[in-house]
Amino acid sequence: MVPLMISNMAAGNISIQLGLRGKCTDVVTACASGTHSIGDAFRAIQYGDAEVMLAGGTEGCICPTGSCRIYSTDSTYQNRRST
């Protein structure tokens, strides 16, 4: 359940699916997240902290609960639905 409720849920779920072990972090810098993640992975290899890294980025809500929550707190959305 934890990988579904934290900012690195995409990274956590991919790690679980692929059976990956080791460092699992996320970078939250909007459209630059993927680039920063690749840079972090490069540094980990460069400094000898890892031999292989999987890095990438995603943006946007990747679970339906997040979308529903955003809409449920928006009163203008509720008003548009009722008209």
C-alpha atoms as a PDB file:
ATOM      1  CA  MET A   1       0.000   0.000   0.000  1.00  0.00           C
ATOM      2  CA  VAL A   2       2.844   2.437   0.746  1.00  0.00           C
ATOM      3  CA  PRO A   3       4.026   2.735  -2.907  1.00  0.00           C
ATOM      4  CA  LEU A   4       0.545   4.013  -3.793  1.00  0.00           C
ATOM      5  CA  MET A   5       0.568   6.976  -1.427  1.00  0.00           C
ATOM      6  CA  ILE A   6       3.988   8.607  -1.655  1.00  0.00           C
ATOM      7  CA  SER A   7       5.706  10.816  -4.212  1.00  0.00           C
ATOM      8  CA  ASN A   8       7.972   8.039  -5.450  1.00  0.00           C
ATOM      9  CA  MET A   9       5.145   5.561  -6.051  1.00  0.00           C
ATOM     10  CA  ALA A  10       6.084   5.166  -9.721  1.00  0.00           C
ATOM     11  CA  ALA A  11       9.684   4.315  -8.810  1.00  0.00           C
ATOM     12  CA  GLY A  12       8.526   2.041  -5.986  1.00  0.00           C
ATOM     13  CA  ASN A  13       6.062   0.131  -8.154  1.00  0.00           C
ATOM     14  CA  ILE A  14       8.607  -0.321 -10.963  1.00  0.00           C
ATOM     15  CA  SER A  15      11.170  -1.568  -8.436  1.00  0.00           C
ATOM     16  CA  ILE A  16       8.682  -4.063  -7.027  1.00  0.00           C
ATOM     17  CA  GLN A  17       7.603  -5.295 -10.481  1.00  0.00           C
ATOM     18  CA  LEU A  18      11.176  -5.736 -11.709  1.00  0.00           C
ATOM     19  CA  GLY A  19      12.571  -7.052  -8.426  1.00  0.00           C
ATOM     20  CA  LEU A  20      15.135  -4.259  -8.242  1.00  0.00           C
ATOM     21  CA  ARG A  21      17.092  -3.653  -5.050  1.00  0.00           C
ATOM     22  CA  GLY A  22      19.042  -0.689  -3.763  1.00  0.00           C
ATOM     23  CA  LYS A  23      18.543   3.044  -3.855  1.00  0.00           C
ATOM     24  CA  CYS A  24      15.012   4.089  -4.834  1.00  0.00           C
ATOM     25  CA  THR A  25      14.425   7.817  -4.837  1.00  0.00           C
ATOM     26  CA  ASP A  26      12.427  10.402  -6.680  1.00  0.00           C
ATOM     27  CA  VAL A  27      13.118  13.934  -7.794  1.00  0.00           C
ATOM     28  CA  VAL A  28      10.200  16.345  -7.845  1.00  0.00           C
ATOM     29  CA  THR A  29      11.168  19.199 -10.141  1.00  0.00           C
ATOM     30  CA  ALA A  30       8.206  19.253 -12.561  1.00  0.00           C
ATOM     31  CA  CYS A  31       9.245  18.869 -16.191  1.00  0.00           C
ATOM     32  CA  ALA A  32      12.946  18.530 -15.263  1.00  0.00           C
ATOM     33  CA  SER A  33      12.421  15.478 -13.015  1.00  0.00           C
ATOM     34  CA  GLY A  34      13.590  12.956 -15.622  1.00  0.00           C
ATOM     35  CA  THR A  35      16.733  14.940 -16.395  1.00  0.00           C
ATOM     36  CA  HIS A  36      17.574  15.330 -12.711  1.00  0.00           C
ATOM     37  CA  SER A  37      16.987  11.610 -12.127  1.00  0.00           C
ATOM     38  CA  ILE A  38      19.371  10.700 -14.942  1.00  0.00           C
ATOM     39  CA  GLY A  39      21.949  13.103 -13.477  1.00  0.00           C
ATOM     40  CA  ASP A  40      21.589  11.528 -10.024  1.00  0.00           C
ATOM     41  CA  ALA A  41      22.003   8.048 -11.518  1.00  0.00           C
ATOM     42  CA  PHE A  42      25.092   9.189 -13.435  1.00  0.00           C
ATOM     43  CA  ARG A  43      26.639  10.569 -10.243  1.00  0.00           C
ATOM     44  CA  ALA A  44      25.888   7.370  -8.304  1.00  0.00           C
ATOM     45  CA  ILE A  45      27.772   5.358 -10.938  1.00  0.00           C
ATOM     46  CA  GLN A  46      30.538   7.968 -11.233  1.00  0.00           C
ATOM     47  CA  TYR A  47      31.137   8.003  -7.451  1.00  0.00           C
ATOM     48  CA  GLY A  48      31.118   4.205  -7.247  1.00  0.00           C
ATOM     49  CA  ASP A  49      27.877   3.998  -5.256  1.00  0.00           C
ATOM     50  CA  ALA A  50      26.301   1.760  -7.915  1.00  0.00           C
ATOM     51  CA  GLU A  51      27.306  -0.267 -10.949  1.00  0.00           C
ATOM     52  CA  VAL A  52      23.949  -0.061 -12.729  1.00  0.00           C
ATOM     53  CA  MET A  53      21.053   2.368 -12.312  1.00  0.00           C
ATOM     54  CA  LEU A  54      17.566   2.595 -13.804  1.00  0.00           C
ATOM     55  CA  ALA A  55      16.529   6.233 -14.211  1.00  0.00           C
ATOM     56  CA  GLY A  56      13.671   8.110 -15.823  1.00  0.00           C
ATOM     57  CA  GLY A  57      10.819  10.452 -15.153  1.00  0.00           C
ATOM     58  CA  THR A  58       7.070  10.777 -15.130  1.00  0.00           C
ATOM     59  CA  GLU A  59       4.790  13.698 -14.577  1.00  0.00           C
ATOM     60  CA  GLY A  60       1.181  13.918 -13.585  1.00  0.00           C
ATOM     61  CA  CYS A  61      -1.106  11.923 -11.399  1.00  0.00           C
ATOM     62  CA  ILE A  62      -0.669   8.229 -12.036  1.00  0.00           C
ATOM     63  CA  CYS A  63      -3.460   6.955  -9.808  1.00  0.00           C
ATOM     64  CA  PRO A  64      -7.210   7.596 -10.023  1.00  0.00           C
ATOM     65  CA  THR A  65      -7.440   8.523  -6.327  1.00  0.00           C
ATOM     66  CA  GLY A  66      -5.251  11.596  -6.846  1.00  0.00           C
ATOM     67  CA  SER A  67      -7.445  12.855  -9.692  1.00  0.00           C
ATOM     68  CA  CYS A  68     -10.654  12.306  -7.756  1.00  0.00           C
ATOM     69  CA  ARG A  69      -9.247  14.125  -4.772  1.00  0.00           C
ATOM     70  CA  ILE A  70      -8.315  17.167  -6.831  1.00  0.00           C
ATOM     71  CA  TYR A  71     -11.776  17.351  -8.391  1.00  0.00           C
ATOM     72  CA  SER A  72     -13.618  16.754  -5.123  1.00  0.00           C
ATOM     73  CA  THR A  73     -12.011  19.817  -3.508  1.00  0.00           C
ATOM     74  CA  ASP A  74     -12.746  22.107  -6.456  1.00  0.00           C
ATOM     75  CA  SER A  75     -16.112  23.795  -5.933  1.00  0.00           C
ATOM     76  CA  THR A  76     -16.222  25.121  -9.499  1.00  0.00           C
ATOM     77  CA  TYR A  77     -15.952  21.551 -10.779  1.00  0.00           C
ATOM     78  CA  GLN A  78     -18.913  20.524  -8.603  1.00  0.00           C
ATOM     79  CA  ASN A  79     -20.995  23.458  -9.873  1.00  0.00           C
ATOM     80  CA  ARG A  80     -20.286  22.635 -13.518  1.00  0.00           C
ATOM     81  CA  ARG A  81     -21.390  19.018 -13.043  1.00  0.00           C
ATOM     82  CA  SER A  82     -24.765  19.980 -11.606  1.00  0.00           C
ATOM     83  CA  THR A  83     -25.744  22.360 -14.417  1.00  0.00           C
END
